[in-house]
């Protein structure tokens, strides 16, 4: 099973760690920079949105002044629970692209700004 394993050394990474640090993972074996793949994130997002829509539909407002608020709160909670659970099940790891290095210009003391 290739889910939540380092693609370089095949070390297993815990589900909670993969969800909590999905952008900035580091392999515990070889210390390679990893991230959760975009496909896994999209799957978790869609699963959370479908769960939120289902919960909202099932708890449709039954009247009253604040009946619609509970539907929205329950839908939000449904998304907040299902999305990370889906990511825990389907988190596929990949190597993180190296970050670009930006150089700041160095100003020498003898070459001023040239304001005349």
PDB file of N, CA and C in Angstrom:
ATOM      1  N   UNK A   1       0.845  -1.182   0.000  1.00  0.00           N
ATOM      2  CA  UNK A   1       0.000   0.000   0.000  1.00  0.00           C
ATOM      3  C   UNK A   1       0.884   1.235   0.000  1.00  0.00           C
ATOM      4  N   UNK A   2       0.729   2.107  -0.974  1.00  0.00           N
ATOM      5  CA  UNK A   2       1.615   3.246  -1.157  1.00  0.00           C
ATOM      6  C   UNK A   2       1.115   4.514  -0.474  1.00  0.00           C
ATOM      7  N   UNK A   3       0.014   4.430   0.228  1.00  0.00           N
ATOM      8  CA  UNK A   3      -0.540   5.629   0.853  1.00  0.00           C
ATOM      9  C   UNK A   3       0.243   5.939   2.123  1.00  0.00           C
ATOM     10  N   UNK A   4       0.615   7.192   2.280  1.00  0.00           N
ATOM     11  CA  UNK A   4       1.340   7.725   3.422  1.00  0.00           C
ATOM     12  C   UNK A   4       2.710   7.074   3.623  1.00  0.00           C
ATOM     13  N   UNK A   5       3.363   6.771   2.505  1.00  0.00           N
ATOM     14  CA  UNK A   5       4.733   6.272   2.556  1.00  0.00           C
ATOM     15  C   UNK A   5       5.622   7.216   1.773  1.00  0.00           C
ATOM     16  N   UNK A   6       6.820   7.385   2.266  1.00  0.00           N
ATOM     17  CA  UNK A   6       7.795   8.215   1.571  1.00  0.00           C
ATOM     18  C   UNK A   6       8.111   7.584   0.224  1.00  0.00           C
ATOM     19  N   UNK A   7       8.074   8.357  -0.854  1.00  0.00           N
ATOM     20  CA  UNK A   7       8.378   7.783  -2.166  1.00  0.00           C
ATOM     21  C   UNK A   7       9.857   7.412  -2.340  1.00  0.00           C
ATOM     22  N   UNK A   8      10.722   7.890  -1.456  1.00  0.00           N
ATOM     23  CA  UNK A   8      12.147   7.583  -1.604  1.00  0.00           C
ATOM     24  C   UNK A   8      12.581   6.368  -0.784  1.00  0.00           C
ATOM     25  N   UNK A   9      12.198   6.357   0.506  1.00  0.00           N
ATOM     26  CA  UNK A   9      12.677   5.266   1.372  1.00  0.00           C
ATOM     27  C   UNK A   9      11.555   4.367   1.878  1.00  0.00           C
ATOM     28  N   UNK A  10      10.301   4.664   1.522  1.00  0.00           N
ATOM     29  CA  UNK A  10       9.120   3.883   1.891  1.00  0.00           C
ATOM     30  C   UNK A  10       8.850   3.850   3.393  1.00  0.00           C
ATOM     31  N   UNK A  11       9.325   4.861   4.122  1.00  0.00           N
ATOM     32  CA  UNK A  11       9.009   4.973   5.541  1.00  0.00           C
ATOM     33  C   UNK A  11       7.546   5.400   5.687  1.00  0.00           C
ATOM     34  N   UNK A  12       6.846   4.815   6.644  1.00  0.00           N
ATOM     35  CA  UNK A  12       5.432   5.117   6.855  1.00  0.00           C
ATOM     36  C   UNK A  12       5.302   6.373   7.711  1.00  0.00           C
ATOM     37  N   UNK A  13       4.395   7.259   7.300  1.00  0.00           N
ATOM     38  CA  UNK A  13       4.114   8.491   8.031  1.00  0.00           C
ATOM     39  C   UNK A  13       2.710   8.394   8.583  1.00  0.00           C
ATOM     40  N   UNK A  14       2.517   8.770   9.845  1.00  0.00           N
ATOM     41  CA  UNK A  14       1.204   8.627  10.483  1.00  0.00           C
ATOM     42  C   UNK A  14       0.163   9.497   9.792  1.00  0.00           C
ATOM     43  N   UNK A  15      -1.093   9.059   9.869  1.00  0.00           N
ATOM     44  CA  UNK A  15      -2.184   9.771   9.204  1.00  0.00           C
ATOM     45  C   UNK A  15      -2.375  11.160   9.792  1.00  0.00           C
ATOM     46  N   UNK A  16      -2.335  11.272  11.088  1.00  0.00           N
ATOM     47  CA  UNK A  16      -2.503  12.580  11.729  1.00  0.00           C
ATOM     48  C   UNK A  16      -1.409  13.552  11.356  1.00  0.00           C
ATOM     49  N   UNK A  17      -0.188  13.060  11.275  1.00  0.00           N
ATOM     50  CA  UNK A  17       0.937  13.913  10.900  1.00  0.00           C
ATOM     51  C   UNK A  17       0.811  14.369   9.444  1.00  0.00           C
ATOM     52  N   UNK A  18       0.354  13.465   8.579  1.00  0.00           N
ATOM     53  CA  UNK A  18       0.192  13.816   7.169  1.00  0.00           C
ATOM     54  C   UNK A  18      -0.892  14.867   6.982  1.00  0.00           C
ATOM     55  N   UNK A  19      -1.958  14.816   7.771  1.00  0.00           N
ATOM     56  CA  UNK A  19      -3.037  15.801   7.650  1.00  0.00           C
ATOM     57  C   UNK A  19      -2.634  17.132   8.286  1.00  0.00           C
ATOM     58  N   UNK A  20      -1.977  17.074   9.422  1.00  0.00           N
ATOM     59  CA  UNK A  20      -1.612  18.310  10.122  1.00  0.00           C
ATOM     60  C   UNK A  20      -0.552  19.115   9.379  1.00  0.00           C
ATOM     61  N   UNK A  21       0.386  18.433   8.738  1.00  0.00           N
ATOM     62  CA  UNK A  21       1.489  19.107   8.052  1.00  0.00           C
ATOM     63  C   UNK A  21       1.478  18.756   6.568  1.00  0.00           C
ATOM     64  N   UNK A  22       0.345  18.874   5.911  1.00  0.00           N
ATOM     65  CA  UNK A  22       0.213  18.417   4.530  1.00  0.00           C
ATOM     66  C   UNK A  22       1.102  19.185   3.557  1.00  0.00           C
ATOM     67  N   UNK A  23       1.459  20.427   3.860  1.00  0.00           N
ATOM     68  CA  UNK A  23       2.337  21.210   2.980  1.00  0.00           C
ATOM     69  C   UNK A  23       3.813  21.025   3.292  1.00  0.00           C
ATOM     70  N   UNK A  24       4.145  20.794   4.530  1.00  0.00           N
ATOM     71  CA  UNK A  24       5.534  20.777   4.968  1.00  0.00           C
ATOM     72  C   UNK A  24       5.873  19.508   5.745  1.00  0.00           C
ATOM     73  N   UNK A  25       5.779  18.372   5.099  1.00  0.00           N
ATOM     74  CA  UNK A  25       6.152  17.114   5.740  1.00  0.00           C
ATOM     75  C   UNK A  25       7.629  16.851   5.562  1.00  0.00           C
ATOM     76  N   UNK A  26       8.182  16.121   6.494  1.00  0.00           N
ATOM     77  CA  UNK A  26       9.556  15.659   6.360  1.00  0.00           C
ATOM     78  C   UNK A  26       9.569  14.183   6.699  1.00  0.00           C
ATOM     79  N   UNK A  27      10.177  13.395   5.861  1.00  0.00           N
ATOM     80  CA  UNK A  27      10.238  11.954   6.064  1.00  0.00           C
ATOM     81  C   UNK A  27      11.038  11.652   7.332  1.00  0.00           C
ATOM     82  N   UNK A  28      10.498  10.797   8.213  1.00  0.00           N
ATOM     83  CA  UNK A  28      11.260  10.473   9.422  1.00  0.00           C
ATOM     84  C   UNK A  28      12.484   9.593   9.141  1.00  0.00           C
ATOM     85  N   UNK A  29      12.510   8.926   7.991  1.00  0.00           N
ATOM     86  CA  UNK A  29      13.632   8.050   7.659  1.00  0.00           C
ATOM     87  C   UNK A  29      14.763   8.764   6.958  1.00  0.00           C
ATOM     88  N   UNK A  30      14.468   9.364   5.802  1.00  0.00           N
ATOM     89  CA  UNK A  30      15.523   9.981   4.992  1.00  0.00           C
ATOM     90  C   UNK A  30      15.496  11.509   5.044  1.00  0.00           C
ATOM     91  N   UNK A  31      14.545  12.099   5.753  1.00  0.00           N
ATOM     92  CA  UNK A  31      14.398  13.559   5.918  1.00  0.00           C
ATOM     93  C   UNK A  31      14.180  14.294   4.602  1.00  0.00           C
ATOM     94  N   UNK A  32      13.537  13.620   3.661  1.00  0.00           N
ATOM     95  CA  UNK A  32      13.218  14.257   2.383  1.00  0.00           C
ATOM     96  C   UNK A  32      11.996  15.163   2.567  1.00  0.00           C
ATOM     97  N   UNK A  33      11.978  16.319   1.900  1.00  0.00           N
ATOM     98  CA  UNK A  33      10.798  17.194   1.979  1.00  0.00           C
ATOM     99  C   UNK A  33       9.639  16.597   1.177  1.00  0.00           C
ATOM    100  N   UNK A  34       8.481  16.441   1.819  1.00  0.00           N
ATOM    101  CA  UNK A  34       7.314  15.826   1.198  1.00  0.00           C
ATOM    102  C   UNK A  34       6.104  16.728   1.325  1.00  0.00           C
ATOM    103  N   UNK A  35       5.079  16.424   0.526  1.00  0.00           N
ATOM    104  CA  UNK A  35       3.786  17.093   0.624  1.00  0.00           C
ATOM    105  C   UNK A  35       2.705  16.118   0.172  1.00  0.00           C
ATOM    106  N   UNK A  36       1.463  16.410   0.552  1.00  0.00           N
ATOM    107  CA  UNK A  36       0.335  15.595   0.119  1.00  0.00           C
ATOM    108  C   UNK A  36      -0.014  16.001  -1.311  1.00  0.00           C
ATOM    109  N   UNK A  37      -0.280  15.028  -2.165  1.00  0.00           N
ATOM    110  CA  UNK A  37      -0.536  15.319  -3.577  1.00  0.00           C
ATOM    111  C   UNK A  37      -1.840  16.092  -3.757  1.00  0.00           C
ATOM    112  N   UNK A  38      -1.921  16.811  -4.847  1.00  0.00           N
ATOM    113  CA  UNK A  38      -3.105  17.627  -5.138  1.00  0.00           C
ATOM    114  C   UNK A  38      -4.344  16.764  -5.353  1.00  0.00           C
ATOM    115  N   UNK A  39      -4.182  15.581  -5.927  1.00  0.00           N
ATOM    116  CA  UNK A  39      -5.311  14.687  -6.139  1.00  0.00           C
ATOM    117  C   UNK A  39      -5.949  14.254  -4.825  1.00  0.00           C
ATOM    118  N   UNK A  40      -5.117  13.951  -3.833  1.00  0.00           N
ATOM    119  CA  UNK A  40      -5.636  13.574  -2.522  1.00  0.00           C
ATOM    120  C   UNK A  40      -6.369  14.734  -1.866  1.00  0.00           C
ATOM    121  N   UNK A  41      -5.841  15.931  -2.023  1.00  0.00           N
ATOM    122  CA  UNK A  41      -6.495  17.115  -1.440  1.00  0.00           C
ATOM    123  C   UNK A  41      -7.846  17.373  -2.109  1.00  0.00           C
ATOM    124  N   UNK A  42      -7.894  17.220  -3.431  1.00  0.00           N
ATOM    125  CA  UNK A  42      -9.159  17.430  -4.140  1.00  0.00           C
ATOM    126  C   UNK A  42     -10.201  16.395  -3.734  1.00  0.00           C
ATOM    127  N   UNK A  43      -9.785  15.144  -3.606  1.00  0.00           N
ATOM    128  CA  UNK A  43     -10.700  14.102  -3.176  1.00  0.00           C
ATOM    129  C   UNK A  43     -11.266  14.414  -1.800  1.00  0.00           C
ATOM    130  N   UNK A  44     -10.415  14.824  -0.870  1.00  0.00           N
ATOM    131  CA  UNK A  44     -10.873  15.148   0.481  1.00  0.00           C
ATOM    132  C   UNK A  44     -11.808  16.351   0.474  1.00  0.00           C
ATOM    133  N   UNK A  45     -11.521  17.338  -0.351  1.00  0.00           N
ATOM    134  CA  UNK A  45     -12.377  18.518  -0.441  1.00  0.00           C
ATOM    135  C   UNK A  45     -13.745  18.167  -0.996  1.00  0.00           C
ATOM    136  N   UNK A  46     -13.771  17.375  -2.055  1.00  0.00           N
ATOM    137  CA  UNK A  46     -15.050  16.978  -2.650  1.00  0.00           C
ATOM    138  C   UNK A  46     -15.851  16.117  -1.675  1.00  0.00           C
ATOM    139  N   UNK A  47     -15.188  15.203  -0.982  1.00  0.00           N
ATOM    140  CA  UNK A  47     -15.886  14.369   0.003  1.00  0.00           C
ATOM    141  C   UNK A  47     -16.469  15.228   1.119  1.00  0.00           C
ATOM    142  N   UNK A  48     -15.723  16.226   1.574  1.00  0.00           N
ATOM    143  CA  UNK A  48     -16.226  17.128   2.613  1.00  0.00           C
ATOM    144  C   UNK A  48     -17.399  17.959   2.139  1.00  0.00           C
ATOM    145  N   UNK A  49     -17.324  18.454   0.904  1.00  0.00           N
ATOM    146  CA  UNK A  49     -18.429  19.253   0.365  1.00  0.00           C
ATOM    147  C   UNK A  49     -19.685  18.413   0.155  1.00  0.00           C
ATOM    148  N   UNK A  50     -19.515  17.179  -0.299  1.00  0.00           N
ATOM    149  CA  UNK A  50     -20.674  16.294  -0.454  1.00  0.00           C
ATOM    150  C   UNK A  50     -21.303  15.972   0.895  1.00  0.00           C
ATOM    151  N   UNK A  51     -20.477  15.745   1.902  1.00  0.00           N
ATOM    152  CA  UNK A  51     -21.001  15.490   3.245  1.00  0.00           C
ATOM    153  C   UNK A  51     -21.723  16.723   3.786  1.00  0.00           C
ATOM    154  N   UNK A  52     -21.158  17.902   3.550  1.00  0.00           N
ATOM    155  CA  UNK A  52     -21.802  19.139   4.013  1.00  0.00           C
ATOM    156  C   UNK A  52     -23.138  19.347   3.313  1.00  0.00           C
ATOM    157  N   UNK A  53     -23.204  19.079   2.013  1.00  0.00           N
ATOM    158  CA  UNK A  53     -24.461  19.229   1.283  1.00  0.00           C
ATOM    159  C   UNK A  53     -25.508  18.238   1.784  1.00  0.00           C
ATOM    160  N   UNK A  54     -25.081  17.008   2.062  1.00  0.00           N
ATOM    161  CA  UNK A  54     -26.006  16.003   2.572  1.00  0.00           C
ATOM    162  C   UNK A  54     -26.517  16.377   3.960  1.00  0.00           C
ATOM    163  N   UNK A  55     -25.641  16.812   4.825  1.00  0.00           N
ATOM    164  CA  UNK A  55     -26.056  17.219   6.168  1.00  0.00           C
ATOM    165  C   UNK A  55     -26.979  18.426   6.091  1.00  0.00           C
ATOM    166  N   UNK A  56     -26.661  19.385   5.242  1.00  0.00           N
ATOM    167  CA  UNK A  56     -27.522  20.565   5.106  1.00  0.00           C
ATOM    168  C   UNK A  56     -28.900  20.166   4.604  1.00  0.00           C
ATOM    169  N   UNK A  57     -28.929  19.237   3.658  1.00  0.00           N
ATOM    170  CA  UNK A  57     -30.207  18.776   3.106  1.00  0.00           C
ATOM    171  C   UNK A  57     -31.042  18.040   4.158  1.00  0.00           C
ATOM    172  N   UNK A  58     -30.367  17.213   4.962  1.00  0.00           N
ATOM    173  CA  UNK A  58     -31.073  16.449   5.994  1.00  0.00           C
ATOM    174  C   UNK A  58     -31.556  17.319   7.146  1.00  0.00           C
ATOM    175  N   UNK A  59     -30.864  18.413   7.398  1.00  0.00           N
ATOM    176  CA  UNK A  59     -31.251  19.298   8.505  1.00  0.00           C
ATOM    177  C   UNK A  59     -31.825  20.598   7.981  1.00  0.00           C
ATOM    178  N   UNK A  60     -32.565  20.518   6.883  1.00  0.00           N
ATOM    179  CA  UNK A  60     -33.163  21.717   6.281  1.00  0.00           C
ATOM    180  C   UNK A  60     -33.981  22.457   7.334  1.00  0.00           C
ATOM    181  N   UNK A  61     -34.042  23.777   7.217  1.00  0.00           N
ATOM    182  CA  UNK A  61     -34.739  24.573   8.223  1.00  0.00           C
ATOM    183  C   UNK A  61     -36.190  24.130   8.418  1.00  0.00           C
ATOM    184  N   UNK A  62     -36.573  24.008   9.671  1.00  0.00           N
ATOM    185  CA  UNK A  62     -37.934  23.602  10.009  1.00  0.00           C
ATOM    186  C   UNK A  62     -38.749  24.773  10.523  1.00  0.00           C
ATOM    187  N   UNK A  63     -38.336  25.948  10.235  1.00  0.00           N
ATOM    188  CA  UNK A  63     -39.065  27.126  10.692  1.00  0.00           C
ATOM    189  C   UNK A  63     -38.381  27.756  11.886  1.00  0.00           C
ATOM    190  N   UNK A  64     -39.015  28.756  12.403  1.00  0.00           N
ATOM    191  CA  UNK A  64     -38.440  29.482  13.521  1.00  0.00           C
ATOM    192  C   UNK A  64     -37.494  30.556  13.035  1.00  0.00           C
ATOM    193  N   UNK A  65     -37.126  31.411  13.947  1.00  0.00           N
ATOM    194  CA  UNK A  65     -36.263  32.535  13.574  1.00  0.00           C
ATOM    195  C   UNK A  65     -34.850  32.091  13.205  1.00  0.00           C
ATOM    196  N   UNK A  66     -34.314  31.146  13.924  1.00  0.00           N
ATOM    197  CA  UNK A  66     -32.928  30.743  13.690  1.00  0.00           C
ATOM    198  C   UNK A  66     -32.816  29.310  13.179  1.00  0.00           C
ATOM    199  N   UNK A  67     -33.858  28.792  12.577  1.00  0.00           N
ATOM    200  CA  UNK A  67     -33.825  27.425  12.068  1.00  0.00           C
ATOM    201  C   UNK A  67     -32.781  27.213  11.000  1.00  0.00           C
ATOM    202  N   UNK A  68     -32.533  28.204  10.162  1.00  0.00           N
ATOM    203  CA  UNK A  68     -31.563  28.070   9.086  1.00  0.00           C
ATOM    204  C   UNK A  68     -30.130  28.067   9.607  1.00  0.00           C
ATOM    205  N   UNK A  69     -29.906  28.653  10.783  1.00  0.00           N
ATOM    206  CA  UNK A  69     -28.549  28.717  11.319  1.00  0.00           C
ATOM    207  C   UNK A  69     -28.040  27.321  11.676  1.00  0.00           C
ATOM    208  N   UNK A  70     -28.892  26.508  12.272  1.00  0.00           N
ATOM    209  CA  UNK A  70     -28.468  25.168  12.643  1.00  0.00           C
ATOM    210  C   UNK A  70     -28.082  24.339  11.418  1.00  0.00           C
ATOM    211  N   UNK A  71     -28.793  24.491  10.327  1.00  0.00           N
ATOM    212  CA  UNK A  71     -28.442  23.769   9.110  1.00  0.00           C
ATOM    213  C   UNK A  71     -27.051  24.151   8.623  1.00  0.00           C
ATOM    214  N   UNK A  72     -26.736  25.423   8.671  1.00  0.00           N
ATOM    215  CA  UNK A  72     -25.423  25.896   8.233  1.00  0.00           C
ATOM    216  C   UNK A  72     -24.335  25.405   9.186  1.00  0.00           C
ATOM    217  N   UNK A  73     -24.595  25.459  10.481  1.00  0.00           N
ATOM    218  CA  UNK A  73     -23.605  25.003  11.469  1.00  0.00           C
ATOM    219  C   UNK A  73     -23.356  23.507  11.312  1.00  0.00           C
ATOM    220  N   UNK A  74     -24.409  22.725  11.164  1.00  0.00           N
ATOM    221  CA  UNK A  74     -24.239  21.286  10.989  1.00  0.00           C
ATOM    222  C   UNK A  74     -23.514  20.961   9.685  1.00  0.00           C
ATOM    223  N   UNK A  75     -23.787  21.699   8.624  1.00  0.00           N
ATOM    224  CA  UNK A  75     -23.092  21.485   7.354  1.00  0.00           C
ATOM    225  C   UNK A  75     -21.605  21.809   7.499  1.00  0.00           C
ATOM    226  N   UNK A  76     -21.292  22.881   8.193  1.00  0.00           N
ATOM    227  CA  UNK A  76     -19.894  23.246   8.430  1.00  0.00           C
ATOM    228  C   UNK A  76     -19.189  22.160   9.236  1.00  0.00           C
ATOM    229  N   UNK A  77     -19.846  21.674  10.272  1.00  0.00           N
ATOM    230  CA  UNK A  77     -19.249  20.611  11.086  1.00  0.00           C
ATOM    231  C   UNK A  77     -19.081  19.323  10.285  1.00  0.00           C
ATOM    232  N   UNK A  78     -20.042  19.033   9.405  1.00  0.00           N
ATOM    233  CA  UNK A  78     -19.914  17.861   8.546  1.00  0.00           C
ATOM    234  C   UNK A  78     -18.700  17.959   7.647  1.00  0.00           C
ATOM    235  N   UNK A  79     -18.486  19.123   7.061  1.00  0.00           N
ATOM    236  CA  UNK A  79     -17.303  19.330   6.217  1.00  0.00           C
ATOM    237  C   UNK A  79     -16.029  19.232   7.052  1.00  0.00           C
ATOM    238  N   UNK A  80     -16.052  19.836   8.236  1.00  0.00           N
ATOM    239  CA  UNK A  80     -14.865  19.874   9.089  1.00  0.00           C
ATOM    240  C   UNK A  80     -14.466  18.491   9.593  1.00  0.00           C
ATOM    241  N   UNK A  81     -15.399  17.561   9.649  1.00  0.00           N
ATOM    242  CA  UNK A  81     -15.088  16.210  10.103  1.00  0.00           C
ATOM    243  C   UNK A  81     -14.728  15.297   8.928  1.00  0.00           C
ATOM    244  N   UNK A  82     -15.495  15.344   7.865  1.00  0.00           N
ATOM    245  CA  UNK A  82     -15.317  14.395   6.764  1.00  0.00           C
ATOM    246  C   UNK A  82     -14.060  14.701   5.942  1.00  0.00           C
ATOM    247  N   UNK A  83     -13.763  15.953   5.710  1.00  0.00           N
ATOM    248  CA  UNK A  83     -12.611  16.302   4.871  1.00  0.00           C
ATOM    249  C   UNK A  83     -11.281  15.792   5.446  1.00  0.00           C
ATOM    250  N   UNK A  84     -10.974  16.033   6.721  1.00  0.00           N
ATOM    251  CA  UNK A  84      -9.717  15.481   7.245  1.00  0.00           C
ATOM    252  C   UNK A  84      -9.716  13.950   7.324  1.00  0.00           C
ATOM    253  N   UNK A  85     -10.880  13.361   7.615  1.00  0.00           N
ATOM    254  CA  UNK A  85     -10.934  11.892   7.649  1.00  0.00           C
ATOM    255  C   UNK A  85     -10.653  11.295   6.269  1.00  0.00           C
ATOM    256  N   UNK A  86     -11.199  11.912   5.234  1.00  0.00           N
ATOM    257  CA  UNK A  86     -10.937  11.439   3.879  1.00  0.00           C
ATOM    258  C   UNK A  86      -9.459  11.618   3.522  1.00  0.00           C
ATOM    259  N   UNK A  87      -8.864  12.716   3.970  1.00  0.00           N
ATOM    260  CA  UNK A  87      -7.441  12.944   3.693  1.00  0.00           C
ATOM    261  C   UNK A  87      -6.583  11.946   4.462  1.00  0.00           C
ATOM    262  N   UNK A  88      -7.014  11.574   5.662  1.00  0.00           N
ATOM    263  CA  UNK A  88      -6.266  10.563   6.416  1.00  0.00           C
ATOM    264  C   UNK A  88      -6.271   9.217   5.688  1.00  0.00           C
ATOM    265  N   UNK A  89      -7.375   8.904   5.050  1.00  0.00           N
ATOM    266  CA  UNK A  89      -7.475   7.627   4.347  1.00  0.00           C
ATOM    267  C   UNK A  89      -6.750   7.631   3.009  1.00  0.00           C
ATOM    268  N   UNK A  90      -6.764   8.762   2.307  1.00  0.00           N
ATOM    269  CA  UNK A  90      -6.285   8.805   0.924  1.00  0.00           C
ATOM    270  C   UNK A  90      -5.039   9.663   0.705  1.00  0.00           C
ATOM    271  N   UNK A  91      -4.351  10.075   1.752  1.00  0.00           N
ATOM    272  CA  UNK A  91      -3.205  10.966   1.588  1.00  0.00           C
ATOM    273  C   UNK A  91      -2.063  10.262   0.866  1.00  0.00           C
ATOM    274  N   UNK A  92      -1.805  10.666  -0.356  1.00  0.00           N
ATOM    275  CA  UNK A  92      -0.699  10.140  -1.143  1.00  0.00           C
ATOM    276  C   UNK A  92       0.423  11.167  -1.103  1.00  0.00           C
ATOM    277  N   UNK A  93       1.594  10.757  -0.707  1.00  0.00           N
ATOM    278  CA  UNK A  93       2.707  11.693  -0.539  1.00  0.00           C
ATOM    279  C   UNK A  93       3.564  11.749  -1.798  1.00  0.00           C
ATOM    280  N   UNK A  94       4.124  12.914  -2.030  1.00  0.00           N
ATOM    281  CA  UNK A  94       5.054  13.107  -3.144  1.00  0.00           C
ATOM    282  C   UNK A  94       6.174  14.027  -2.679  1.00  0.00           C
ATOM    283  N   UNK A  95       7.249  14.055  -3.438  1.00  0.00           N
ATOM    284  CA  UNK A  95       8.365  14.938  -3.107  1.00  0.00           C
ATOM    285  C   UNK A  95       7.951  16.382  -3.308  1.00  0.00           C
ATOM    286  N   UNK A  96       8.317  17.231  -2.379  1.00  0.00           N
ATOM    287  CA  UNK A  96       8.004  18.650  -2.476  1.00  0.00           C
ATOM    288  C   UNK A  96       9.020  19.326  -3.386  1.00  0.00           C
ATOM    289  N   UNK A  97       8.528  20.192  -4.229  1.00  0.00           N
ATOM    290  CA  UNK A  97       9.417  20.933  -5.133  1.00  0.00           C
ATOM    291  C   UNK A  97      10.309  21.864  -4.309  1.00  0.00           C
ATOM    292  N   UNK A  98      11.546  22.014  -4.727  1.00  0.00           N
ATOM    293  CA  UNK A  98      12.426  22.924  -3.986  1.00  0.00           C
ATOM    294  C   UNK A  98      11.916  24.358  -4.073  1.00  0.00           C
ATOM    295  N   UNK A  99      12.057  25.066  -2.976  1.00  0.00           N
ATOM    296  CA  UNK A  99      11.601  26.449  -2.941  1.00  0.00           C
ATOM    297  C   UNK A  99      12.596  27.343  -3.674  1.00  0.00           C
ATOM    298  N   UNK A 100      12.089  28.336  -4.402  1.00  0.00           N
ATOM    299  CA  UNK A 100      13.011  29.239  -5.102  1.00  0.00           C
ATOM    300  C   UNK A 100      13.801  30.093  -4.112  1.00  0.00           C
ATOM    301  N   UNK A 101      15.026  30.346  -4.470  1.00  0.00           N
ATOM    302  CA  UNK A 101      15.890  31.171  -3.631  1.00  0.00           C
ATOM    303  C   UNK A 101      15.922  32.568  -4.225  1.00  0.00           C
ATOM    304  N   UNK A 102      15.556  33.530  -3.439  1.00  0.00           N
ATOM    305  CA  UNK A 102      15.551  34.920  -3.885  1.00  0.00           C
ATOM    306  C   UNK A 102      16.750  35.639  -3.289  1.00  0.00           C
ATOM    307  N   UNK A 103      17.481  36.299  -4.164  1.00  0.00           N
ATOM    308  CA  UNK A 103      18.640  37.053  -3.705  1.00  0.00           C
ATOM    309  C   UNK A 103      18.255  38.516  -3.545  1.00  0.00           C
ATOM    310  N   UNK A 104      18.704  39.105  -2.481  1.00  0.00           N
ATOM    311  CA  UNK A 104      18.469  40.539  -2.286  1.00  0.00           C
ATOM    312  C   UNK A 104      19.653  41.294  -2.872  1.00  0.00           C
ATOM    313  N   UNK A 105      19.395  42.414  -3.510  1.00  0.00           N
ATOM    314  CA  UNK A 105      20.506  43.171  -4.098  1.00  0.00           C
ATOM    315  C   UNK A 105      21.409  43.731  -2.992  1.00  0.00           C
ATOM    316  N   UNK A 106      22.703  43.607  -3.223  1.00  0.00           N
ATOM    317  CA  UNK A 106      23.680  44.123  -2.268  1.00  0.00           C
ATOM    318  C   UNK A 106      24.112  45.513  -2.700  1.00  0.00           C
ATOM    319  N   UNK A 107      24.004  46.462  -1.798  1.00  0.00           N
ATOM    320  CA  UNK A 107      24.418  47.846  -2.093  1.00  0.00           C
ATOM    321  C   UNK A 107      25.779  48.085  -1.470  1.00  0.00           C
ATOM    322  N   UNK A 108      26.712  48.520  -2.300  1.00  0.00           N
ATOM    323  CA  UNK A 108      28.025  48.861  -1.762  1.00  0.00           C
ATOM    324  C   UNK A 108      27.986  50.299  -1.264  1.00  0.00           C
ATOM    325  N   UNK A 109      28.758  50.603  -0.246  1.00  0.00           N
ATOM    326  CA  UNK A 109      28.694  51.945   0.343  1.00  0.00           C
ATOM    327  C   UNK A 109      29.149  53.069  -0.589  1.00  0.00           C
ATOM    328  N   UNK A 110      29.967  52.788  -1.588  1.00  0.00           N
ATOM    329  CA  UNK A 110      30.465  53.824  -2.469  1.00  0.00           C
ATOM    330  C   UNK A 110      29.536  54.168  -3.615  1.00  0.00           C
ATOM    331  N   UNK A 111      28.547  53.397  -3.850  1.00  0.00           N
ATOM    332  CA  UNK A 111      27.642  53.630  -4.965  1.00  0.00           C
ATOM    333  C   UNK A 111      26.287  54.008  -4.426  1.00  0.00           C
ATOM    334  N   UNK A 112      26.077  55.295  -4.279  1.00  0.00           N
ATOM    335  CA  UNK A 112      24.847  55.803  -3.687  1.00  0.00           C
ATOM    336  C   UNK A 112      23.670  55.701  -4.634  1.00  0.00           C
ATOM    337  N   UNK A 113      22.568  56.286  -4.216  1.00  0.00           N
ATOM    338  CA  UNK A 113      21.326  56.203  -4.959  1.00  0.00           C
ATOM    339  C   UNK A 113      21.302  57.035  -6.225  1.00  0.00           C
ATOM    340  N   UNK A 114      22.134  58.029  -6.363  1.00  0.00           N
ATOM    341  CA  UNK A 114      22.173  58.840  -7.572  1.00  0.00           C
ATOM    342  C   UNK A 114      21.033  59.856  -7.638  1.00  0.00           C
ATOM    343  N   UNK A 115      20.590  60.362  -6.528  1.00  0.00           N
ATOM    344  CA  UNK A 115      19.538  61.382  -6.532  1.00  0.00           C
ATOM    345  C   UNK A 115      20.175  62.746  -6.736  1.00  0.00           C
ATOM    346  N   UNK A 116      19.857  63.411  -7.826  1.00  0.00           N
ATOM    347  CA  UNK A 116      20.443  64.731  -8.114  1.00  0.00           C
ATOM    348  C   UNK A 116      19.396  65.763  -8.132  1.00  0.00           C
TER     349      UNK A 116
END
